[in-house]
C-alpha atoms as a PDB file:
ATOM      1  CA  MET A   1      22.328  84.415-105.434  1.00  0.00           C
ATOM      2  CA  TYR A   2      25.328  85.199-103.176  1.00  0.00           C
ATOM      3  CA  ILE A   3      28.806  86.407-103.477  1.00  0.00           C
ATOM      4  CA  HIS A   4      31.629  85.727-101.130  1.00  0.00           C
ATOM      5  CA  ASP A   5      32.910  88.551 -99.125  1.00  0.00           C
ATOM      6  CA  SER A   6      35.139  86.633 -96.851  1.00  0.00           C
ATOM      7  CA  PRO A   7      35.725  82.866 -96.146  1.00  0.00           C
ATOM      8  CA  THR A   8      32.960  82.990 -93.506  1.00  0.00           C
ATOM      9  CA  ARG A   9      30.260  85.365 -94.877  1.00  0.00           C
ATOM     10  CA  LEU A  10      28.107  85.638 -97.835  1.00  0.00           C
ATOM     11  CA  LEU A  11      26.685  88.971 -99.256  1.00  0.00           C
ATOM     12  CA  PRO A  12      23.441  89.079-101.084  1.00  0.00           C
ATOM     13  CA  ASP A  13      23.448  90.187-104.753  1.00  0.00           C
ATOM     14  CA  VAL A  14      20.077  91.448-105.172  1.00  0.00           C
ATOM     15  CA  ALA A  15      20.492  93.042-108.532  1.00  0.00           C
ATOM     16  CA  SER A  16      21.215  89.799-110.273  1.00  0.00           C
ATOM     17  CA  GLN A  17      18.053  88.160-109.103  1.00  0.00           C
ATOM     18  CA  GLU A  18      14.947  87.981-111.242  1.00  0.00           C
ATOM     19  CA  HIS A  19      12.166  90.412-110.323  1.00  0.00           C
ATOM     20  CA  ALA A  20       8.383  90.333-110.289  1.00  0.00           C
ATOM     21  CA  LEU A  21       7.968  92.891-112.876  1.00  0.00           C
ATOM     22  CA  ALA A  22       9.873  91.186-115.689  1.00  0.00           C
ATOM     23  CA  ILE A  23       8.716  93.404-118.521  1.00  0.00           C
ATOM     24  CA  GLY A  24      10.428  96.071-120.494  1.00  0.00           C
ATOM     25  CA  THR A  25      13.964  96.861-121.669  1.00  0.00           C
ATOM     26  CA  LEU A  26      15.726  99.938-120.660  1.00  0.00           C
ATOM     27  CA  ASP A  27      17.590 102.488-123.011  1.00  0.00           C
ATOM     28  CA  TRP A  28      20.335 103.334-120.669  1.00  0.00           C
ATOM     29  CA  VAL A  29      21.283 102.421-117.127  1.00  0.00           C
ATOM     30  CA  GLY A  30      24.462 103.591-115.465  1.00  0.00           C
ATOM     31  CA  MET A  31      26.142 106.266-113.318  1.00  0.00           C
ATOM     32  CA  ASP A  32      26.300 110.033-113.945  1.00  0.00           C
ATOM     33  CA  GLY A  33      28.438 112.752-112.466  1.00  0.00           C
ATOM     34  CA  MET A  34      31.333 110.313-111.480  1.00  0.00           C
ATOM     35  CA  GLU A  35      34.274 112.316-110.158  1.00  0.00           C
ATOM     36  CA  MET A  36      37.464 111.263-112.083  1.00  0.00           C
ATOM     37  CA  PRO A  37      40.777 112.787-113.235  1.00  0.00           C
ATOM     38  CA  VAL A  38      41.282 113.075-116.689  1.00  0.00           C
ATOM     39  CA  ALA A  39      44.330 113.837-118.939  1.00  0.00           C
ATOM     40  CA  PHE A  40      43.738 115.612-122.203  1.00  0.00           C
ATOM     41  CA  ASP A  41      45.782 116.596-125.176  1.00  0.00           C
ATOM     42  CA  ALA A  42      43.909 119.238-127.069  1.00  0.00           C
ATOM     43  CA  GLY A  43      45.973 118.540-130.097  1.00  0.00           C
ATOM     44  CA  ASP A  44      49.053 120.695-129.271  1.00  0.00           C
ATOM     45  CA  GLY A  45      50.973 118.027-127.392  1.00  0.00           C
ATOM     46  CA  ASP A  46      50.473 119.729-124.032  1.00  0.00           C
ATOM     47  CA  VAL A  47      48.713 117.145-121.762  1.00  0.00           C
ATOM     48  CA  ARG A  48      46.857 118.761-119.081  1.00  0.00           C
ATOM     49  CA  SER A  49      45.306 116.922-116.177  1.00  0.00           C
ATOM     50  CA  THR A  50      41.919 118.204-114.595  1.00  0.00           C
ATOM     51  CA  GLY A  51      38.911 116.944-112.652  1.00  0.00           C
ATOM     52  CA  ALA A  52      36.153 115.666-114.803  1.00  0.00           C
ATOM     53  CA  ARG A  53      32.418 114.500-114.396  1.00  0.00           C
ATOM     54  CA  VAL A  54      31.968 111.178-116.213  1.00  0.00           C
ATOM     55  CA  GLY A  55      28.952 109.305-117.044  1.00  0.00           C
ATOM     56  CA  ALA A  56      29.027 105.648-117.980  1.00  0.00           C
ATOM     57  CA  PHE A  57      25.872 103.712-119.249  1.00  0.00           C
ATOM     58  CA  VAL A  58      24.769 100.466-120.995  1.00  0.00           C
ATOM     59  CA  ASN A  59      21.304  99.525-122.151  1.00  0.00           C
ATOM     60  CA  LEU A  60      19.466  96.615-120.410  1.00  0.00           C
ATOM     61  CA  THR A  61      18.129  94.113-122.962  1.00  0.00           C
ATOM     62  CA  LYS A  62      16.803  91.381-120.614  1.00  0.00           C
ATOM     63  CA  PRO A  63      13.289  92.331-119.026  1.00  0.00           C
ATOM     64  CA  GLU A  64      13.856  89.638-116.443  1.00  0.00           C
ATOM     65  CA  ALA A  65      17.269  91.136-115.182  1.00  0.00           C
ATOM     66  CA  ARG A  66      16.681  93.497-112.350  1.00  0.00           C
ATOM     67  CA  GLY A  67      19.683  95.755-112.912  1.00  0.00           C
ATOM     68  CA  ILE A  68      23.246  96.103-114.345  1.00  0.00           C
ATOM     69  CA  HIS A  69      26.650  95.718-112.752  1.00  0.00           C
ATOM     70  CA  MET A  70      27.382  99.410-111.600  1.00  0.00           C
ATOM     71  CA  SER A  71      30.572  98.696-109.793  1.00  0.00           C
ATOM     72  CA  ARG A  72      32.069  97.155-113.011  1.00  0.00           C
ATOM     73  CA  LEU A  73      31.400 100.310-115.023  1.00  0.00           C
ATOM     74  CA  TYR A  74      32.970 102.565-112.330  1.00  0.00           C
ATOM     75  CA  LEU A  75      36.087 100.407-112.102  1.00  0.00           C
ATOM     76  CA  LEU A  76      36.492 100.216-115.900  1.00  0.00           C
ATOM     77  CA  VAL A  77      36.262 103.985-116.214  1.00  0.00           C
ATOM     78  CA  SER A  78      38.561 104.660-113.163  1.00  0.00           C
ATOM     79  CA  GLU A  79      41.253 102.159-114.811  1.00  0.00           C
ATOM     80  CA  ALA A  80      40.971 103.617-118.402  1.00  0.00           C
ATOM     81  CA  LEU A  81      41.166 107.295-117.274  1.00  0.00           C
ATOM     82  CA  SER A  82      44.221 106.459-115.037  1.00  0.00           C
ATOM     83  CA  ALA A  83      46.055 104.991-117.979  1.00  0.00           C
ATOM     84  CA  GLY A  84      46.830 107.970-119.871  1.00  0.00           C
ATOM     85  CA  PRO A  85      45.486 110.817-122.014  1.00  0.00           C
ATOM     86  CA  LEU A  86      42.027 110.471-123.521  1.00  0.00           C
ATOM     87  CA  THR A  87      42.085 109.417-127.177  1.00  0.00           C
ATOM     88  CA  VAL A  88      39.405 108.409-129.603  1.00  0.00           C
ATOM     89  CA  SER A  89      40.550 104.837-129.829  1.00  0.00           C
ATOM     90  CA  GLY A  90      41.007 104.541-126.173  1.00  0.00           C
ATOM     91  CA  ILE A  91      37.514 105.720-125.517  1.00  0.00           C
ATOM     92  CA  ARG A  92      36.157 102.975-128.010  1.00  0.00           C
ATOM     93  CA  ALA A  93      37.998 100.377-126.325  1.00  0.00           C
ATOM     94  CA  LEU A  94      36.567 101.449-122.959  1.00  0.00           C
ATOM     95  CA  LEU A  95      33.101 101.177-124.456  1.00  0.00           C
ATOM     96  CA  GLU A  96      33.815  97.597-125.735  1.00  0.00           C
ATOM     97  CA  SER A  97      34.926  96.730-122.156  1.00  0.00           C
ATOM     98  CA  PHE A  98      31.448  97.935-120.977  1.00  0.00           C
ATOM     99  CA  LEU A  99      29.698  95.528-123.283  1.00  0.00           C
ATOM    100  CA  ALA A 100      32.216  92.648-122.494  1.00  0.00           C
ATOM    101  CA  SER A 101      31.488  93.124-118.794  1.00  0.00           C
ATOM    102  CA  HIS A 102      27.597  92.992-119.486  1.00  0.00           C
ATOM    103  CA  GLU A 103      27.634  90.141-121.889  1.00  0.00           C
ATOM    104  CA  GLY A 104      24.052  89.035-122.140  1.00  0.00           C
ATOM    105  CA  LEU A 105      22.668  92.081-120.513  1.00  0.00           C
ATOM    106  CA  SER A 106      23.623  94.928-122.931  1.00  0.00           C
ATOM    107  CA  ASP A 107      24.565  95.656-126.561  1.00  0.00           C
ATOM    108  CA  HIS A 108      24.762  99.356-126.408  1.00  0.00           C
ATOM    109  CA  ALA A 109      27.339 101.530-124.317  1.00  0.00           C
ATOM    110  CA  ARG A 110      27.876 105.213-123.852  1.00  0.00           C
ATOM    111  CA  LEU A 111      30.621 107.541-122.023  1.00  0.00           C
ATOM    112  CA  THR A 112      30.228 111.147-121.327  1.00  0.00           C
ATOM    113  CA  VAL A 113      33.014 113.320-120.106  1.00  0.00           C
ATOM    114  CA  GLY A 114      32.801 116.870-118.940  1.00  0.00           C
ATOM    115  CA  PHE A 115      35.688 119.131-117.923  1.00  0.00           C
ATOM    116  CA  GLU A 116      37.289 122.504-118.441  1.00  0.00           C
ATOM    117  CA  HIS A 117      40.474 122.768-120.566  1.00  0.00           C
ATOM    118  CA  LEU A 118      42.846 125.690-119.781  1.00  0.00           C
ATOM    119  CA  VAL A 119      44.689 127.363-122.659  1.00  0.00           C
ATOM    120  CA  ARG A 120      47.066 130.302-122.180  1.00  0.00           C
ATOM    121  CA  ARG A 121      46.219 133.120-124.500  1.00  0.00           C
ATOM    122  CA  ARG A 122      48.544 136.171-125.404  1.00  0.00           C
ATOM    123  CA  SER A 123      47.357 139.719-125.112  1.00  0.00           C
ATOM    124  CA  LEU A 124      46.644 141.752-128.412  1.00  0.00           C
ATOM    125  CA  ARG A 125      49.351 144.276-128.001  1.00  0.00           C
ATOM    126  CA  SER A 126      51.052 144.225-124.439  1.00  0.00           C
ATOM    127  CA  ASP A 127      53.717 141.530-123.519  1.00  0.00           C
ATOM    128  CA  ASN A 128      51.159 139.703-121.351  1.00  0.00           C
ATOM    129  CA  SER A 129      49.060 136.587-121.403  1.00  0.00           C
ATOM    130  CA  GLY A 130      46.315 134.905-119.263  1.00  0.00           C
ATOM    131  CA  TRP A 131      44.215 131.713-119.167  1.00  0.00           C
ATOM    132  CA  ARG A 132      40.989 130.842-120.826  1.00  0.00           C
ATOM    133  CA  ALA A 133      38.907 127.781-119.738  1.00  0.00           C
ATOM    134  CA  TYR A 134      37.126 126.031-122.538  1.00  0.00           C
ATOM    135  CA  PRO A 135      34.367 123.744-121.437  1.00  0.00           C
ATOM    136  CA  ILE A 136      34.634 120.428-123.063  1.00  0.00           C
ATOM    137  CA  THR A 137      32.103 117.592-123.291  1.00  0.00           C
ATOM    138  CA  ILE A 138      32.788 114.296-124.927  1.00  0.00           C
ATOM    139  CA  ASP A 139      29.989 111.997-125.873  1.00  0.00           C
ATOM    140  CA  ALA A 140      30.569 108.627-127.287  1.00  0.00           C
ATOM    141  CA  THR A 141      28.415 105.571-128.035  1.00  0.00           C
ATOM    142  CA  LEU A 142      28.866 101.980-129.304  1.00  0.00           C
ATOM    143  CA  THR A 143      25.903 100.755-130.696  1.00  0.00           C
ATOM    144  CA  GLY A 144      25.493  97.544-132.604  1.00  0.00           C
ATOM    145  CA  GLY A 145      29.076  97.730-133.516  1.00  0.00           C
ATOM    146  CA  THR A 146      28.889 101.307-134.829  1.00  0.00           C
ATOM    147  CA  PHE A 147      31.056 103.616-132.801  1.00  0.00           C
ATOM    148  CA  ARG A 148      30.183 107.559-132.701  1.00  0.00           C
ATOM    149  CA  ILE A 149      31.963 110.240-130.743  1.00  0.00           C
ATOM    150  CA  GLU A 150      31.426 113.912-130.520  1.00  0.00           C
ATOM    151  CA  ILE A 151      33.152 116.546-128.764  1.00  0.00           C
ATOM    152  CA  THR A 152      31.455 120.033-127.968  1.00  0.00           C
ATOM    153  CA  THR A 153      33.004 123.268-126.706  1.00  0.00           C
ATOM    154  CA  ASP A 154      32.195 126.991-126.590  1.00  0.00           C
ATOM    155  CA  VAL A 155      34.191 129.834-128.091  1.00  0.00           C
ATOM    156  CA  VAL A 156      33.119 133.255-126.522  1.00  0.00           C
ATOM    157  CA  TYR A 157      33.577 136.454-128.459  1.00  0.00           C
ATOM    158  CA  SER A 158      32.256 140.027-128.915  1.00  0.00           C
ATOM    159  CA  SER A 159      29.935 140.862-131.607  1.00  0.00           C
ATOM    160  CA  THR A 160      29.082 144.371-132.802  1.00  0.00           C
ATOM    161  CA  CYS A 161      26.005 145.048-134.624  1.00  0.00           C
ATOM    162  CA  PRO A 162      26.307 146.380-138.203  1.00  0.00           C
ATOM    163  CA  ALA A 163      22.970 148.137-138.302  1.00  0.00           C
ATOM    164  CA  SER A 164      23.744 149.834-135.021  1.00  0.00           C
ATOM    165  CA  ALA A 165      27.072 150.912-136.334  1.00  0.00           C
ATOM    166  CA  ALA A 166      25.363 152.325-139.435  1.00  0.00           C
ATOM    167  CA  LEU A 167      22.728 154.277-137.246  1.00  0.00           C
ATOM    168  CA  SER A 168      25.714 155.558-135.033  1.00  0.00           C
ATOM    169  CA  ARG A 169      27.707 156.714-138.020  1.00  0.00           C
ATOM    170  CA  GLN A 170      24.679 158.679-139.326  1.00  0.00           C
ATOM    171  CA  LEU A 171      24.262 160.367-135.872  1.00  0.00           C
ATOM    172  CA  ILE A 172      27.911 161.306-135.969  1.00  0.00           C
ATOM    173  CA  GLN A 173      27.566 162.712-139.521  1.00  0.00           C
ATOM    174  CA  ASP A 174      24.531 164.634-138.379  1.00  0.00           C
ATOM    175  CA  ASN A 175      26.303 166.013-135.464  1.00  0.00           C
ATOM    176  CA  PHE A 176      29.203 167.181-137.464  1.00  0.00           C
ATOM    177  CA  ALA A 177      27.002 168.935-139.947  1.00  0.00           C
ATOM    178  CA  LYS A 178      25.395 170.794-136.906  1.00  0.00           C
ATOM    179  CA  THR A 179      28.530 171.662-135.181  1.00  0.00           C
ATOM    180  CA  PHE A 180      30.431 172.758-138.329  1.00  0.00           C
ATOM    181  CA  GLY A 181      28.202 174.819-140.633  1.00  0.00           C
ATOM    182  CA  ALA A 182      28.248 174.681-144.414  1.00  0.00           C
ATOM    183  CA  ASP A 183      29.815 178.265-144.455  1.00  0.00           C
ATOM    184  CA  GLN A 184      32.135 177.569-141.563  1.00  0.00           C
ATOM    185  CA  PRO A 185      35.872 177.155-142.442  1.00  0.00           C
ATOM    186  CA  LEU A 186      37.239 173.668-141.528  1.00  0.00           C
ATOM    187  CA  ASP A 187      40.413 173.522-139.573  1.00  0.00           C
ATOM    188  CA  ARG A 188      42.149 170.213-139.382  1.00  0.00           C
ATOM    189  CA  GLU A 189      43.272 170.579-135.823  1.00  0.00           C
ATOM    190  CA  THR A 190      40.118 171.835-134.581  1.00  0.00           C
ATOM    191  CA  ILE A 191      38.253 168.760-136.033  1.00  0.00           C
ATOM    192  CA  LEU A 192      40.746 166.391-134.706  1.00  0.00           C
ATOM    193  CA  ALA A 193      40.317 167.770-131.264  1.00  0.00           C
ATOM    194  CA  TRP A 194      36.501 167.725-131.627  1.00  0.00           C
ATOM    195  CA  LEU A 195      36.702 164.012-132.665  1.00  0.00           C
ATOM    196  CA  GLY A 196      38.387 163.218-129.578  1.00  0.00           C
ATOM    197  CA  THR A 197      35.600 164.423-127.123  1.00  0.00           C
ATOM    198  CA  GLU A 198      32.340 162.895-126.068  1.00  0.00           C
ATOM    199  CA  GLN A 199      30.503 165.793-128.241  1.00  0.00           C
ATOM    200  CA  GLY A 200      32.304 164.309-131.159  1.00  0.00           C
ATOM    201  CA  ILE A 201      31.306 160.747-131.017  1.00  0.00           C
ATOM    202  CA  VAL A 202      27.693 161.024-129.923  1.00  0.00           C
ATOM    203  CA  ALA A 203      26.635 157.572-130.530  1.00  0.00           C
ATOM    204  CA  THR A 204      28.338 154.138-130.526  1.00  0.00           C
ATOM    205  CA  PRO A 205      27.017 150.792-131.916  1.00  0.00           C
ATOM    206  CA  HIS A 206      25.823 148.097-129.407  1.00  0.00           C
ATOM    207  CA  ALA A 207      28.029 145.020-128.844  1.00  0.00           C
ATOM    208  CA  GLN A 208      27.515 141.942-126.763  1.00  0.00           C
ATOM    209  CA  ARG A 209      29.386 138.960-125.476  1.00  0.00           C
ATOM    210  CA  SER A 210      28.389 136.244-127.801  1.00  0.00           C
ATOM    211  CA  THR A 211      28.749 132.349-127.603  1.00  0.00           C
ATOM    212  CA  ALA A 212      29.481 129.835-130.527  1.00  0.00           C
ATOM    213  CA  THR A 213      28.669 126.274-129.365  1.00  0.00           C
ATOM    214  CA  ILE A 214      30.505 123.874-131.562  1.00  0.00           C
ATOM    215  CA  ARG A 215      29.895 120.181-131.742  1.00  0.00           C
ATOM    216  CA  VAL A 216      32.406 118.158-133.937  1.00  0.00           C
ATOM    217  CA  ARG A 217      32.994 114.596-134.815  1.00  0.00           C
ATOM    218  CA  PRO A 218      36.822 113.945-135.201  1.00  0.00           C
ATOM    219  CA  ALA A 219      38.043 112.353-138.371  1.00  0.00           C
ATOM    220  CA  GLY A 220      40.935 110.413-136.631  1.00  0.00           C
ATOM    221  CA  ASP A 221      41.506 107.992-133.993  1.00  0.00           C
ATOM    222  CA  GLY A 222      44.078 109.721-131.971  1.00  0.00           C
ATOM    223  CA  VAL A 223      44.004 112.926-129.873  1.00  0.00           C
ATOM    224  CA  PHE A 224      41.437 115.393-130.247  1.00  0.00           C
ATOM    225  CA  PRO A 225      41.961 118.316-132.698  1.00  0.00           C
ATOM    226  CA  LEU A 226      40.533 120.959-130.461  1.00  0.00           C
ATOM    227  CA  ILE A 227      43.028 123.768-130.170  1.00  0.00           C
ATOM    228  CA  GLY A 228      43.429 123.883-133.966  1.00  0.00           C
ATOM    229  CA  MET A 229      39.789 124.211-134.323  1.00  0.00           C
ATOM    230  CA  ILE A 230      39.425 126.773-131.632  1.00  0.00           C
ATOM    231  CA  ASP A 231      42.167 128.789-133.218  1.00  0.00           C
ATOM    232  CA  ASN A 232      40.375 128.725-136.600  1.00  0.00           C
ATOM    233  CA  VAL A 233      37.242 129.746-135.280  1.00  0.00           C
ATOM    234  CA  GLU A 234      38.645 132.777-133.176  1.00  0.00           C
ATOM    235  CA  ALA A 235      40.634 133.780-136.174  1.00  0.00           C
ATOM    236  CA  ALA A 236      37.566 133.745-138.302  1.00  0.00           C
ATOM    237  CA  LEU A 237      35.617 135.861-135.864  1.00  0.00           C
ATOM    238  CA  GLY A 238      38.350 138.258-134.933  1.00  0.00           C
ATOM    239  CA  THR A 239      36.927 139.367-131.567  1.00  0.00           C
ATOM    240  CA  SER A 240      37.533 136.460-129.169  1.00  0.00           C
ATOM    241  CA  VAL A 241      37.304 137.661-125.465  1.00  0.00           C
ATOM    242  CA  GLN A 242      40.569 138.533-123.878  1.00  0.00           C
ATOM    243  CA  THR A 243      42.353 137.725-120.659  1.00  0.00           C
ATOM    244  CA  ALA A 244      45.071 140.158-119.397  1.00  0.00           C
ATOM    245  CA  VAL A 245      44.260 143.598-120.775  1.00  0.00           C
ATOM    246  CA  LYS A 246      46.206 146.943-120.672  1.00  0.00           C
ATOM    247  CA  ARG A 247      44.964 149.998-122.467  1.00  0.00           C
ATOM    248  CA  ALA A 248      46.858 149.222-125.681  1.00  0.00           C
ATOM    249  CA  ASP A 249      45.117 145.904-125.627  1.00  0.00           C
ATOM    250  CA  GLU A 250      41.545 147.275-125.050  1.00  0.00           C
ATOM    251  CA  GLN A 251      42.197 149.726-127.880  1.00  0.00           C
ATOM    252  CA  ALA A 252      43.214 146.974-130.137  1.00  0.00           C
ATOM    253  CA  PHE A 253      40.197 145.088-129.254  1.00  0.00           C
ATOM    254  CA  ALA A 254      37.874 148.122-129.858  1.00  0.00           C
ATOM    255  CA  LEU A 255      39.612 148.280-133.330  1.00  0.00           C
ATOM    256  CA  ALA A 256      38.840 144.550-133.982  1.00  0.00           C
ATOM    257  CA  ASN A 257      35.263 145.093-133.085  1.00  0.00           C
ATOM    258  CA  GLY A 258      34.892 148.068-135.536  1.00  0.00           C
ATOM    259  CA  GLN A 259      36.518 145.831-138.148  1.00  0.00           C
ATOM    260  CA  ASN A 260      34.444 142.819-137.580  1.00  0.00           C
ATOM    261  CA  LEU A 261      30.878 143.920-137.450  1.00  0.00           C
ATOM    262  CA  MET A 262      28.562 141.080-137.614  1.00  0.00           C
ATOM    263  CA  PHE A 263      25.155 139.771-137.231  1.00  0.00           C
ATOM    264  CA  CYS A 264      24.620 136.182-135.795  1.00  0.00           C
ATOM    265  CA  GLU A 265      24.321 135.015-139.487  1.00  0.00           C
ATOM    266  CA  ASP A 266      27.600 136.596-140.323  1.00  0.00           C
ATOM    267  CA  ALA A 267      29.308 134.805-137.412  1.00  0.00           C
ATOM    268  CA  ALA A 268      27.724 131.433-138.294  1.00  0.00           C
ATOM    269  CA  ARG A 269      28.906 131.658-141.908  1.00  0.00           C
ATOM    270  CA  ARG A 270      32.284 132.575-140.807  1.00  0.00           C
ATOM    271  CA  ILE A 271      32.713 129.576-138.649  1.00  0.00           C
ATOM    272  CA  GLN A 272      30.975 127.282-141.098  1.00  0.00           C
ATOM    273  CA  ALA A 273      33.476 128.420-143.711  1.00  0.00           C
ATOM    274  CA  ALA A 274      36.649 127.979-141.411  1.00  0.00           C
ATOM    275  CA  LEU A 275      35.631 124.353-140.423  1.00  0.00           C
ATOM    276  CA  SER A 276      34.230 122.918-143.494  1.00  0.00           C
ATOM    277  CA  ASN A 277      37.732 122.687-145.009  1.00  0.00           C
ATOM    278  CA  ASP A 278      39.400 121.169-141.949  1.00  0.00           C
ATOM    279  CA  ALA A 279      40.279 117.675-142.793  1.00  0.00           C
ATOM    280  CA  SER A 280      40.677 116.678-139.073  1.00  0.00           C
ATOM    281  CA  ILE A 281      36.898 117.167-138.608  1.00  0.00           C
ATOM    282  CA  ALA A 282      34.521 114.650-140.057  1.00  0.00           C
ATOM    283  CA  ASP A 283      31.395 116.607-139.399  1.00  0.00           C
ATOM    284  CA  PHE A 284      30.377 119.604-137.075  1.00  0.00           C
ATOM    285  CA  HIS A 285      27.214 121.399-135.991  1.00  0.00           C
ATOM    286  CA  LEU A 286      27.151 124.789-134.454  1.00  0.00           C
ATOM    287  CA  ARG A 287      24.850 127.161-132.601  1.00  0.00           C
ATOM    288  CA  VAL A 288      25.739 130.792-132.529  1.00  0.00           C
ATOM    289  CA  SER A 289      24.047 132.963-129.786  1.00  0.00           C
ATOM    290  CA  HIS A 290      24.347 136.699-129.580  1.00  0.00           C
ATOM    291  CA  HIS A 291      23.251 137.723-126.122  1.00  0.00           C
ATOM    292  CA  GLU A 292      21.838 140.948-127.035  1.00  0.00           C
ATOM    293  CA  SER A 293      22.351 144.199-125.118  1.00  0.00           C
ATOM    294  CA  LEU A 294      19.493 145.816-127.188  1.00  0.00           C
ATOM    295  CA  HIS A 295      16.939 143.096-126.539  1.00  0.00           C
ATOM    296  CA  PRO A 296      16.090 140.784-123.594  1.00  0.00           C
ATOM    297  CA  HIS A 297      16.439 137.790-125.873  1.00  0.00           C
ATOM    298  CA  ASP A 298      19.139 136.170-127.933  1.00  0.00           C
ATOM    299  CA  ALA A 299      19.820 136.328-131.736  1.00  0.00           C
ATOM    300  CA  VAL A 300      20.694 132.838-132.748  1.00  0.00           C
ATOM    301  CA  ALA A 301      21.768 131.049-135.894  1.00  0.00           C
ATOM    302  CA  PHE A 302      22.573 127.376-136.746  1.00  0.00           C
ATOM    303  CA  ALA A 303      24.912 125.796-139.183  1.00  0.00           C
ATOM    304  CA  SER A 304      26.536 122.529-140.177  1.00  0.00           C
ATOM    305  CA  LYS A 305      29.328 121.271-142.420  1.00  0.00           C
ATOM    306  CA  VAL A 306      29.133 122.238-146.044  1.00  0.00           C
ATOM    307  CA  ARG A 307      28.922 119.023-148.233  1.00  0.00           C
END
């Protein structure tokens, strides 16, 4: 089979020709890592444009067909992502166009979109703010008329170990008893000064940067309820990482860590409770990873929506 490139020239279309090894169907065929612009509203009405890596796929149901129409997928994605911000309904329409362009060849379609979404975050105490980049992955499929879409992001926070905090407090108590004997009169100002020295606080609990990876299935067909979800998760944890930090902000962060001691199990349950009552989320799965400073391995916990 040939296609016309000009009135005087025909170009071979090898992909449409039958091939010798006419056996087997293929689960997915397409392109991955396509460089595309994407406009994204995270649920706060602030549409941001950025560069994305996009994957577009269909299955191949005809064993005798050599390949799919790659260029059709590319052009459909390019047109759809240029039309406006990503929406759940818009992604479904794009998948439907994948199948319409491959009628007789495919009955499953898939789209993946990966990018970073920038959000300005205020400092804890000072009148400053800075940017946080949240990695976003959208994975949508249309299979036998059933549409499914999930969005994944990471929330990074600090976790301070409750066991280590208890052990540190015991050492501080022991040091206090050693420094100030039972028969020694206690002077408030002397003790206050001593507590402000390195000798006063001889041990501190270990803390580490930690990551909650959250995969959600939105309940609606419009924009993605990302900002609200992230805000809920960060509020539940209490120790999300900071951007612009002055000394007052660092002190406030130290206080937040001391008031939010948590094992990975605690963090997973906090997030689970925060998201299970969120009407904008139909379902979710999460993985909490505490990148231990005590161990060379991570402490992890998994959870899903409470039914």
